[in-house]
Each structure stands twice: as C-alpha cells, then as structure tokens.
Protein backbone atom coordinates (compact mmCIF):
# COMPACT_ATOMS: atom_id res chain seq x y z
CA MET A 1 10.76 6.00 3.96
CA ARG A 2 9.48 9.44 4.91
CA CYS A 3 12.60 10.20 6.92
CA LEU A 4 14.49 10.10 3.59
CA ALA A 5 12.27 12.74 1.95
CA SER A 6 14.88 15.45 2.52
CA LEU A 7 17.23 13.70 0.07
CA GLU A 8 15.24 15.42 -2.66
CA ARG A 9 16.50 18.80 -1.41
CA PRO A 10 20.10 18.33 -0.30
CA SER A 11 22.08 21.27 0.94
CA PRO A 12 23.65 23.02 -2.10
CA ASP A 13 26.98 23.42 -0.34
CA LEU A 14 27.38 19.63 0.03
CA SER A 15 27.20 18.88 -3.73
CA LEU A 16 25.00 15.82 -3.19
CA PRO A 17 22.77 14.25 -5.84
CA VAL A 18 19.01 14.80 -5.76
CA ILE A 19 17.20 11.59 -4.79
CA ARG A 20 13.40 11.30 -4.66
CA VAL A 21 12.26 8.68 -2.15
CA VAL A 22 8.59 7.75 -2.58
CA ALA A 23 6.53 4.62 -1.94
CA VAL A 24 3.64 2.61 -3.31
CA ALA A 25 1.34 0.82 -0.87
CA PRO A 26 -0.57 -1.71 -2.96
CA GLY A 27 -3.67 -3.49 -1.73
CA VAL A 28 -4.51 -6.90 -3.14
CA VAL A 29 -2.74 -7.28 -6.49
CA LYS A 30 -3.78 -9.90 -9.04
CA THR A 31 -0.69 -12.13 -8.99
CA ALA A 32 0.08 -15.81 -8.45
CA LEU A 33 1.04 -14.95 -4.86
CA TRP A 34 -2.73 -14.72 -4.18
CA LEU A 35 -4.33 -16.65 -7.02
CA ASP A 36 -2.31 -19.84 -6.48
CA ASN A 37 -2.87 -19.96 -2.71
CA GLN A 38 -6.33 -21.21 -1.73
CA GLU A 39 -5.90 -20.24 1.94
CA LYS A 40 -5.16 -16.63 1.00
CA MET A 41 -8.04 -16.61 -1.48
CA LYS A 42 -10.41 -17.56 1.33
CA LEU A 43 -9.38 -14.35 3.12
CA VAL A 44 -10.07 -11.99 0.22
CA GLY A 45 -12.82 -13.68 -1.80
CA GLU A 46 -13.12 -14.35 -5.47
CA ALA A 47 -13.81 -10.85 -6.88
CA THR A 48 -10.47 -10.72 -8.69
CA GLU A 49 -11.85 -8.38 -11.38
CA GLU A 50 -11.79 -5.68 -8.68
CA TRP A 51 -8.13 -6.18 -7.80
CA ALA A 52 -5.29 -4.00 -8.98
CA THR A 53 -3.03 -5.57 -11.58
CA PRO A 54 0.77 -5.49 -11.56
CA GLU A 55 0.57 -3.11 -14.52
CA MET A 56 -1.59 -0.69 -12.54
CA VAL A 57 0.87 -0.71 -9.65
CA ALA A 58 3.79 -0.21 -12.06
CA ARG A 59 2.01 2.78 -13.65
CA VAL A 60 1.67 4.41 -10.21
CA MET A 61 5.35 3.74 -9.48
CA VAL A 62 6.38 5.51 -12.69
CA GLU A 63 4.07 8.45 -11.95
CA LEU A 64 5.59 8.86 -8.48
CA VAL A 65 9.05 9.16 -9.97
CA GLU A 66 8.22 11.29 -13.01
CA LYS A 67 5.58 13.78 -11.83
CA ASP A 68 6.73 16.81 -9.86
CA GLU A 69 3.45 16.89 -7.90
CA TYR A 70 4.76 13.94 -5.88
CA GLU A 71 7.51 15.25 -3.64
CA GLY A 72 9.88 13.06 -1.64
CA GLY A 73 8.09 11.24 1.14
CA THR A 74 4.85 10.72 -0.80
CA VAL A 75 3.07 7.40 -0.30
CA LEU A 76 0.34 6.39 -2.75
CA GLU A 77 -1.99 3.53 -1.91
CA VAL A 78 -3.18 1.48 -4.90
CA GLY A 79 -6.58 -0.09 -4.32
CA LYS A 80 -9.36 -1.65 -6.34
CA ARG A 81 -9.16 -1.23 -10.11
CA GLY A 82 -5.95 0.79 -9.70
CA GLN A 83 -7.60 3.66 -7.79
CA THR A 84 -5.02 5.67 -5.86
CA ARG A 85 -5.14 7.54 -2.58
CA ARG A 86 -2.42 9.68 -1.03
CA VAL A 87 -1.52 8.36 2.42
CA GLN A 88 -1.31 11.22 4.91
CA VAL A 89 1.67 11.67 7.24
CA HIS A 90 -0.41 12.07 10.41
CA MET A 91 -3.82 10.74 11.40
CA ASP A 92 -4.41 8.91 8.12
CA PRO A 93 -7.70 7.02 8.38
CA GLY A 94 -6.31 4.13 6.35
CA PRO A 95 -8.12 2.34 3.57
CA SER A 96 -11.87 2.14 3.93
CA GLY A 97 -14.55 0.34 1.92
CA GLY A 98 -15.64 1.95 -1.30
CA GLU A 99 -12.76 1.94 -3.74
CA TYR A 100 -10.26 0.17 -1.50
CA THR A 101 -9.79 -3.41 -0.33
CA PRO A 102 -8.77 -3.27 3.34
CA LEU A 103 -7.80 -6.78 4.37
CA ASN A 104 -8.02 -5.81 8.05
CA GLN A 105 -11.77 -5.18 7.70
CA LEU A 106 -12.66 -8.65 6.42
CA GLU A 107 -14.42 -10.89 8.92
CA GLU A 108 -11.94 -13.70 8.26
CA SER A 109 -9.07 -11.42 9.22
CA ARG A 110 -10.85 -10.49 12.44
CA ASP A 111 -11.16 -14.18 13.25
CA ILE A 112 -7.42 -14.59 12.81
CA TRP A 113 -6.79 -11.70 15.24
CA ARG A 114 -9.21 -13.23 17.77
CA ARG A 115 -7.39 -16.57 17.57
CA LEU A 116 -3.99 -14.91 17.95
CA ILE A 117 -5.21 -13.06 21.04
CA GLN A 118 -6.76 -16.23 22.52
CA ASP A 119 -3.52 -18.14 21.93
CA GLY A 120 -1.53 -15.37 23.60
CA ALA A 121 0.48 -14.68 20.45
CA VAL A 122 -0.50 -10.99 20.58
CA SER A 123 -2.03 -8.84 23.29
CA ALA A 124 -5.35 -7.07 22.97
C-alpha cells in the first residue's frame, strides 16, 4: 500500500489523475465474524464494549480520504473504542496494551504459536 503513496503526486507532465492510497488497520471489530464464532471469542474474551464498531472504522476511513493531514501512504490503526494510532513506516512498535487490543499479546494466541512450532508448521 505504501508503495502506491506517490500516486497522490503524479508528475504534472504525464496528466495523470491524483489518487490517494491510504489504509485502515482495524483491531477487533464488533461484528458477527467474531460474535458468532465461539472459538474466536475464546481468543479475545467477552469485553465487547471495548471493541471498535463498524461505524467507528468507517468514520476513520472517511477521515483518511477527506482530511489533507493524511497524505498517501498513511496507515491508521483503529483500536479499542475507536481510538486511532498512526502506524509508522519504520520501526513501528505495533499495538500495545492501553487503548489497543493486540491479539498477538493474548496468552491464548501464544499457546497457538507454541503448538504450531511444536507441530513443525512454523519455525521458531
């Protein structure tokens, strides 16, 4: 996605349209994809009041397109309660506790990784 950021500033001599390429990186969103799947719910717990809603994610999508402060190549993470965080290009620490719901930090997710490594499906 970031390699397309330059489409927002095409060379004037080529007469190309201006295209803004941005992205939303949602965390756990309150949809049937999660709520109707008991196995997935075991991974993330029952605190659904903390989750972002589809409306929150949609609002961030519209902001990315409409606001000039978000140039091409911007990635916004949408976490708990619709909180947003700009994802950095290099050395981004990733989501972390507090206002975000990082699935990779849940103990159940760690167990899945351990099993995959033990089964030889992935390498440590």
